[in-house]
Amino acid sequence: MSKETPCIAVCMMDPRTKLCFGCGRTLPEIARWHKMGREERLAVMEGLAARMADAGLAPMAGLAPMAPQPERG
């Protein structure tokens, strides 16, 4: 399993949008994250900032988005 994750350990769901305030993922995405392939995880991560902006959720102050890290063999 890869370490690629947008999780910033602020695990709280917005009841209005059903998105995590910390990372912007939905509960189904969080639940199956470890089962997703690398390409699917990267595709989800690529859209999280726009998803949160569209939902009116601001990124957590002082936290920069994580860049995807290469998988280790």
PDB file of N, CA and C in Angstrom:
ATOM      1  N   MET A   1       0.845  -1.195   0.000  1.00  0.00           N
ATOM      2  CA  MET A   1       0.000   0.000   0.000  1.00  0.00           C
ATOM      3  C   MET A   1       0.882   1.246   0.000  1.00  0.00           C
ATOM      4  N   SER A   2       0.464   2.246  -0.722  1.00  0.00           N
ATOM      5  CA  SER A   2       1.213   3.483  -0.837  1.00  0.00           C
ATOM      6  C   SER A   2       0.950   4.398   0.346  1.00  0.00           C
ATOM      7  N   LYS A   3       1.869   5.303   0.584  1.00  0.00           N
ATOM      8  CA  LYS A   3       1.693   6.325   1.616  1.00  0.00           C
ATOM      9  C   LYS A   3       0.990   7.555   1.064  1.00  0.00           C
ATOM     10  N   GLU A   4       0.633   7.558  -0.202  1.00  0.00           N
ATOM     11  CA  GLU A   4      -0.031   8.708  -0.804  1.00  0.00           C
ATOM     12  C   GLU A   4      -1.390   8.916  -0.167  1.00  0.00           C
ATOM     13  N   THR A   5      -1.522  10.041   0.481  1.00  0.00           N
ATOM     14  CA  THR A   5      -2.788  10.348   1.133  1.00  0.00           C
ATOM     15  C   THR A   5      -2.911  11.857   1.331  1.00  0.00           C
ATOM     16  N   PRO A   6      -4.111  12.387   1.195  1.00  0.00           N
ATOM     17  CA  PRO A   6      -4.333  13.794   1.480  1.00  0.00           C
ATOM     18  C   PRO A   6      -4.675  14.039   2.953  1.00  0.00           C
ATOM     19  N   CYS A   7      -4.714  12.992   3.749  1.00  0.00           N
ATOM     20  CA  CYS A   7      -5.125  13.103   5.145  1.00  0.00           C
ATOM     21  C   CYS A   7      -4.179  14.004   5.930  1.00  0.00           C
ATOM     22  N   ILE A   8      -4.763  14.934   6.679  1.00  0.00           N
ATOM     23  CA  ILE A   8      -3.973  15.815   7.548  1.00  0.00           C
ATOM     24  C   ILE A   8      -4.389  15.630   9.007  1.00  0.00           C
ATOM     25  N   ALA A   9      -5.038  14.509   9.291  1.00  0.00           N
ATOM     26  CA  ALA A   9      -5.462  14.149  10.648  1.00  0.00           C
ATOM     27  C   ALA A   9      -6.455  15.150  11.246  1.00  0.00           C
ATOM     28  N   VAL A  10      -7.297  15.717  10.405  1.00  0.00           N
ATOM     29  CA  VAL A  10      -8.425  16.553  10.831  1.00  0.00           C
ATOM     30  C   VAL A  10      -9.654  15.842  10.301  1.00  0.00           C
ATOM     31  N   CYS A  11     -10.018  14.771  10.947  1.00  0.00           N
ATOM     32  CA  CYS A  11     -11.062  13.880  10.440  1.00  0.00           C
ATOM     33  C   CYS A  11     -12.420  14.257  11.018  1.00  0.00           C
ATOM     34  N   MET A  12     -13.089  15.165  10.318  1.00  0.00           N
ATOM     35  CA  MET A  12     -14.410  15.614  10.733  1.00  0.00           C
ATOM     36  C   MET A  12     -15.198  15.922   9.472  1.00  0.00           C
ATOM     37  N   MET A  13     -16.375  15.341   9.379  1.00  0.00           N
ATOM     38  CA  MET A  13     -17.177  15.487   8.174  1.00  0.00           C
ATOM     39  C   MET A  13     -18.101  16.707   8.259  1.00  0.00           C
ATOM     40  N   ASP A  14     -18.188  17.421   7.150  1.00  0.00           N
ATOM     41  CA  ASP A  14     -19.120  18.534   7.030  1.00  0.00           C
ATOM     42  C   ASP A  14     -20.496  17.943   6.735  1.00  0.00           C
ATOM     43  N   PRO A  15     -21.479  18.171   7.612  1.00  0.00           N
ATOM     44  CA  PRO A  15     -22.797  17.561   7.392  1.00  0.00           C
ATOM     45  C   PRO A  15     -23.507  18.075   6.144  1.00  0.00           C
ATOM     46  N   ARG A  16     -23.185  19.276   5.719  1.00  0.00           N
ATOM     47  CA  ARG A  16     -23.841  19.858   4.540  1.00  0.00           C
ATOM     48  C   ARG A  16     -23.300  19.246   3.250  1.00  0.00           C
ATOM     49  N   THR A  17     -21.983  19.140   3.128  1.00  0.00           N
ATOM     50  CA  THR A  17     -21.371  18.683   1.878  1.00  0.00           C
ATOM     51  C   THR A  17     -20.990  17.212   1.892  1.00  0.00           C
ATOM     52  N   LYS A  18     -20.942  16.617   3.083  1.00  0.00           N
ATOM     53  CA  LYS A  18     -20.507  15.224   3.252  1.00  0.00           C
ATOM     54  C   LYS A  18     -19.035  15.042   2.880  1.00  0.00           C
ATOM     55  N   LEU A  19     -18.254  16.128   2.999  1.00  0.00           N
ATOM     56  CA  LEU A  19     -16.821  16.070   2.740  1.00  0.00           C
ATOM     57  C   LEU A  19     -16.064  16.242   4.047  1.00  0.00           C
ATOM     58  N   CYS A  20     -14.896  15.633   4.125  1.00  0.00           N
ATOM     59  CA  CYS A  20     -14.042  15.807   5.291  1.00  0.00           C
ATOM     60  C   CYS A  20     -13.495  17.236   5.288  1.00  0.00           C
ATOM     61  N   PHE A  21     -13.584  17.913   6.430  1.00  0.00           N
ATOM     62  CA  PHE A  21     -13.054  19.273   6.540  1.00  0.00           C
ATOM     63  C   PHE A  21     -11.542  19.303   6.315  1.00  0.00           C
ATOM     64  N   GLY A  22     -10.846  18.239   6.672  1.00  0.00           N
ATOM     65  CA  GLY A  22      -9.392  18.212   6.561  1.00  0.00           C
ATOM     66  C   GLY A  22      -8.879  17.916   5.172  1.00  0.00           C
ATOM     67  N   CYS A  23      -9.440  16.901   4.523  1.00  0.00           N
ATOM     68  CA  CYS A  23      -8.876  16.461   3.239  1.00  0.00           C
ATOM     69  C   CYS A  23      -9.812  16.619   2.061  1.00  0.00           C
ATOM     70  N   GLY A  24     -11.110  16.768   2.299  1.00  0.00           N
ATOM     71  CA  GLY A  24     -12.058  16.939   1.215  1.00  0.00           C
ATOM     72  C   GLY A  24     -12.602  15.655   0.618  1.00  0.00           C
ATOM     73  N   ARG A  25     -12.195  14.508   1.175  1.00  0.00           N
ATOM     74  CA  ARG A  25     -12.711  13.244   0.647  1.00  0.00           C
ATOM     75  C   ARG A  25     -14.074  12.927   1.243  1.00  0.00           C
ATOM     76  N   THR A  26     -14.814  12.064   0.557  1.00  0.00           N
ATOM     77  CA  THR A  26     -16.091  11.567   1.061  1.00  0.00           C
ATOM     78  C   THR A  26     -15.812  10.336   1.935  1.00  0.00           C
ATOM     79  N   LEU A  27     -16.794   9.944   2.731  1.00  0.00           N
ATOM     80  CA  LEU A  27     -16.622   8.737   3.549  1.00  0.00           C
ATOM     81  C   LEU A  27     -16.346   7.493   2.693  1.00  0.00           C
ATOM     82  N   PRO A  28     -17.078   7.298   1.577  1.00  0.00           N
ATOM     83  CA  PRO A  28     -16.746   6.129   0.756  1.00  0.00           C
ATOM     84  C   PRO A  28     -15.308   6.151   0.226  1.00  0.00           C
ATOM     85  N   GLU A  29     -14.818   7.329  -0.141  1.00  0.00           N
ATOM     86  CA  GLU A  29     -13.424   7.418  -0.601  1.00  0.00           C
ATOM     87  C   GLU A  29     -12.455   7.090   0.518  1.00  0.00           C
ATOM     88  N   ILE A  30     -12.718   7.616   1.702  1.00  0.00           N
ATOM     89  CA  ILE A  30     -11.852   7.340   2.854  1.00  0.00           C
ATOM     90  C   ILE A  30     -11.862   5.848   3.164  1.00  0.00           C
ATOM     91  N   ALA A  31     -13.036   5.250   3.140  1.00  0.00           N
ATOM     92  CA  ALA A  31     -13.177   3.837   3.497  1.00  0.00           C
ATOM     93  C   ALA A  31     -12.437   2.913   2.536  1.00  0.00           C
ATOM     94  N   ARG A  32     -12.407   3.245   1.262  1.00  0.00           N
ATOM     95  CA  ARG A  32     -11.761   2.344   0.309  1.00  0.00           C
ATOM     96  C   ARG A  32     -10.404   2.844  -0.176  1.00  0.00           C
ATOM     97  N   TRP A  33      -9.866   3.869   0.467  1.00  0.00           N
ATOM     98  CA  TRP A  33      -8.604   4.471   0.049  1.00  0.00           C
ATOM     99  C   TRP A  33      -7.499   3.428  -0.104  1.00  0.00           C
ATOM    100  N   HIS A  34      -7.367   2.551   0.859  1.00  0.00           N
ATOM    101  CA  HIS A  34      -6.280   1.553   0.817  1.00  0.00           C
ATOM    102  C   HIS A  34      -6.490   0.504  -0.268  1.00  0.00           C
ATOM    103  N   LYS A  35      -7.694   0.409  -0.799  1.00  0.00           N
ATOM    104  CA  LYS A  35      -7.976  -0.550  -1.871  1.00  0.00           C
ATOM    105  C   LYS A  35      -7.833   0.072  -3.260  1.00  0.00           C
ATOM    106  N   MET A  36      -7.771   1.401  -3.321  1.00  0.00           N
ATOM    107  CA  MET A  36      -7.637   2.084  -4.607  1.00  0.00           C
ATOM    108  C   MET A  36      -6.236   1.873  -5.171  1.00  0.00           C
ATOM    109  N   GLY A  37      -6.162   1.850  -6.477  1.00  0.00           N
ATOM    110  CA  GLY A  37      -4.866   1.832  -7.134  1.00  0.00           C
ATOM    111  C   GLY A  37      -4.241   3.223  -7.091  1.00  0.00           C
ATOM    112  N   ARG A  38      -2.961   3.264  -7.372  1.00  0.00           N
ATOM    113  CA  ARG A  38      -2.223   4.530  -7.332  1.00  0.00           C
ATOM    114  C   ARG A  38      -2.865   5.584  -8.235  1.00  0.00           C
ATOM    115  N   GLU A  39      -3.211   5.217  -9.463  1.00  0.00           N
ATOM    116  CA  GLU A  39      -3.792   6.175 -10.402  1.00  0.00           C
ATOM    117  C   GLU A  39      -5.117   6.734  -9.893  1.00  0.00           C
ATOM    118  N   GLU A  40      -5.940   5.888  -9.310  1.00  0.00           N
ATOM    119  CA  GLU A  40      -7.221   6.361  -8.779  1.00  0.00           C
ATOM    120  C   GLU A  40      -7.004   7.309  -7.604  1.00  0.00           C
ATOM    121  N   ARG A  41      -6.072   6.963  -6.698  1.00  0.00           N
ATOM    122  CA  ARG A  41      -5.775   7.865  -5.570  1.00  0.00           C
ATOM    123  C   ARG A  41      -5.286   9.220  -6.068  1.00  0.00           C
ATOM    124  N   LEU A  42      -4.372   9.202  -7.048  1.00  0.00           N
ATOM    125  CA  LEU A  42      -3.850  10.461  -7.584  1.00  0.00           C
ATOM    126  C   LEU A  42      -4.951  11.276  -8.253  1.00  0.00           C
ATOM    127  N   ALA A  43      -5.850  10.606  -8.951  1.00  0.00           N
ATOM    128  CA  ALA A  43      -6.964  11.315  -9.597  1.00  0.00           C
ATOM    129  C   ALA A  43      -7.866  11.976  -8.558  1.00  0.00           C
ATOM    130  N   VAL A  44      -8.155  11.273  -7.478  1.00  0.00           N
ATOM    131  CA  VAL A  44      -8.976  11.856  -6.407  1.00  0.00           C
ATOM    132  C   VAL A  44      -8.233  13.042  -5.799  1.00  0.00           C
ATOM    133  N   MET A  45      -6.954  12.851  -5.485  1.00  0.00           N
ATOM    134  CA  MET A  45      -6.172  13.915  -4.848  1.00  0.00           C
ATOM    135  C   MET A  45      -6.095  15.157  -5.727  1.00  0.00           C
ATOM    136  N   GLU A  46      -5.996  14.955  -7.025  1.00  0.00           N
ATOM    137  CA  GLU A  46      -5.887  16.073  -7.954  1.00  0.00           C
ATOM    138  C   GLU A  46      -7.115  16.979  -7.904  1.00  0.00           C
ATOM    139  N   GLY A  47      -8.276  16.412  -7.638  1.00  0.00           N
ATOM    140  CA  GLY A  47      -9.506  17.199  -7.633  1.00  0.00           C
ATOM    141  C   GLY A  47      -9.956  17.719  -6.282  1.00  0.00           C
ATOM    142  N   LEU A  48      -9.227  17.404  -5.215  1.00  0.00           N
ATOM    143  CA  LEU A  48      -9.708  17.760  -3.877  1.00  0.00           C
ATOM    144  C   LEU A  48      -9.762  19.264  -3.617  1.00  0.00           C
ATOM    145  N   ALA A  49      -8.758  19.999  -4.042  1.00  0.00           N
ATOM    146  CA  ALA A  49      -8.759  21.451  -3.785  1.00  0.00           C
ATOM    147  C   ALA A  49      -9.951  22.120  -4.463  1.00  0.00           C
ATOM    148  N   ALA A  50     -10.199  21.765  -5.717  1.00  0.00           N
ATOM    149  CA  ALA A  50     -11.340  22.346  -6.439  1.00  0.00           C
ATOM    150  C   ALA A  50     -12.656  21.902  -5.816  1.00  0.00           C
ATOM    151  N   ARG A  51     -12.728  20.644  -5.404  1.00  0.00           N
ATOM    152  CA  ARG A  51     -13.939  20.119  -4.765  1.00  0.00           C
ATOM    153  C   ARG A  51     -14.251  20.903  -3.499  1.00  0.00           C
ATOM    154  N   MET A  52     -13.232  21.140  -2.684  1.00  0.00           N
ATOM    155  CA  MET A  52     -13.448  21.880  -1.438  1.00  0.00           C
ATOM    156  C   MET A  52     -13.830  23.322  -1.728  1.00  0.00           C
ATOM    157  N   ALA A  53     -13.189  23.935  -2.712  1.00  0.00           N
ATOM    158  CA  ALA A  53     -13.521  25.317  -3.077  1.00  0.00           C
ATOM    159  C   ALA A  53     -14.958  25.406  -3.583  1.00  0.00           C
ATOM    160  N   ASP A  54     -15.351  24.466  -4.444  1.00  0.00           N
ATOM    161  CA  ASP A  54     -16.723  24.451  -4.970  1.00  0.00           C
ATOM    162  C   ASP A  54     -17.756  24.278  -3.867  1.00  0.00           C
ATOM    163  N   ALA A  55     -17.376  23.545  -2.806  1.00  0.00           N
ATOM    164  CA  ALA A  55     -18.284  23.300  -1.688  1.00  0.00           C
ATOM    165  C   ALA A  55     -18.243  24.429  -0.661  1.00  0.00           C
ATOM    166  N   GLY A  56     -17.358  25.408  -0.876  1.00  0.00           N
ATOM    167  CA  GLY A  56     -17.249  26.517   0.063  1.00  0.00           C
ATOM    168  C   GLY A  56     -16.467  26.173   1.317  1.00  0.00           C
ATOM    169  N   LEU A  57     -15.648  25.126   1.246  1.00  0.00           N
ATOM    170  CA  LEU A  57     -14.816  24.742   2.385  1.00  0.00           C
ATOM    171  C   LEU A  57     -13.403  25.253   2.161  1.00  0.00           C
ATOM    172  N   ALA A  58     -12.892  25.954   3.143  1.00  0.00           N
ATOM    173  CA  ALA A  58     -11.534  26.479   3.046  1.00  0.00           C
ATOM    174  C   ALA A  58     -10.538  25.436   3.521  1.00  0.00           C
ATOM    175  N   PRO A  59      -9.382  25.356   2.861  1.00  0.00           N
ATOM    176  CA  PRO A  59      -8.340  24.469   3.374  1.00  0.00           C
ATOM    177  C   PRO A  59      -7.945  24.904   4.781  1.00  0.00           C
ATOM    178  N   MET A  60      -7.518  23.968   5.589  1.00  0.00           N
ATOM    179  CA  MET A  60      -7.123  24.281   6.961  1.00  0.00           C
ATOM    180  C   MET A  60      -5.970  25.283   6.959  1.00  0.00           C
ATOM    181  N   ALA A  61      -6.071  26.332   7.758  1.00  0.00           N
ATOM    182  CA  ALA A  61      -5.052  27.379   7.805  1.00  0.00           C
ATOM    183  C   ALA A  61      -3.699  26.816   8.217  1.00  0.00           C
ATOM    184  N   GLY A  62      -2.676  27.275   7.524  1.00  0.00           N
ATOM    185  CA  GLY A  62      -1.314  26.883   7.870  1.00  0.00           C
ATOM    186  C   GLY A  62      -0.903  25.520   7.348  1.00  0.00           C
ATOM    187  N   LEU A  63      -1.772  24.856   6.622  1.00  0.00           N
ATOM    188  CA  LEU A  63      -1.444  23.535   6.104  1.00  0.00           C
ATOM    189  C   LEU A  63      -1.396  23.587   4.592  1.00  0.00           C
ATOM    190  N   ALA A  64      -0.286  23.181   4.050  1.00  0.00           N
ATOM    191  CA  ALA A  64      -0.135  23.119   2.608  1.00  0.00           C
ATOM    192  C   ALA A  64      -0.579  21.747   2.122  1.00  0.00           C
ATOM    193  N   PRO A  65      -1.127  21.662   0.920  1.00  0.00           N
ATOM    194  CA  PRO A  65      -1.490  20.348   0.403  1.00  0.00           C
ATOM    195  C   PRO A  65      -0.253  19.484   0.224  1.00  0.00           C
ATOM    196  N   MET A  66      -0.401  18.197   0.490  1.00  0.00           N
ATOM    197  CA  MET A  66       0.710  17.274   0.346  1.00  0.00           C
ATOM    198  C   MET A  66       0.903  16.922  -1.119  1.00  0.00           C
ATOM    199  N   ALA A  67       2.151  16.911  -1.549  1.00  0.00           N
ATOM    200  CA  ALA A  67       2.458  16.429  -2.900  1.00  0.00           C
ATOM    201  C   ALA A  67       2.501  14.911  -2.855  1.00  0.00           C
ATOM    202  N   PRO A  68       2.014  14.278  -3.905  1.00  0.00           N
ATOM    203  CA  PRO A  68       2.096  12.813  -3.942  1.00  0.00           C
ATOM    204  C   PRO A  68       3.535  12.358  -3.871  1.00  0.00           C
ATOM    205  N   GLN A  69       3.782  11.335  -3.093  1.00  0.00           N
ATOM    206  CA  GLN A  69       5.112  10.772  -2.947  1.00  0.00           C
ATOM    207  C   GLN A  69       5.222   9.524  -3.815  1.00  0.00           C
ATOM    208  N   PRO A  70       6.388   9.275  -4.394  1.00  0.00           N
ATOM    209  CA  PRO A  70       6.540   8.060  -5.209  1.00  0.00           C
ATOM    210  C   PRO A  70       6.426   6.818  -4.345  1.00  0.00           C
ATOM    211  N   GLU A  71       5.881   5.771  -4.967  1.00  0.00           N
ATOM    212  CA  GLU A  71       5.759   4.495  -4.251  1.00  0.00           C
ATOM    213  C   GLU A  71       7.145   3.888  -4.095  1.00  0.00           C
ATOM    214  N   ARG A  72       7.324   3.223  -2.975  1.00  0.00           N
ATOM    215  CA  ARG A  72       8.589   2.523  -2.742  1.00  0.00           C
ATOM    216  C   ARG A  72       8.396   1.063  -3.030  1.00  0.00           C
ATOM    217  N   GLY A  73       9.374   0.499  -3.691  1.00  0.00           N
ATOM    218  CA  GLY A  73       9.356  -0.825  -4.197  1.00  0.00           C
ATOM    219  C   GLY A  73       9.092  -1.922  -3.329  1.00  0.00           C
TER     220      GLY A  73
END
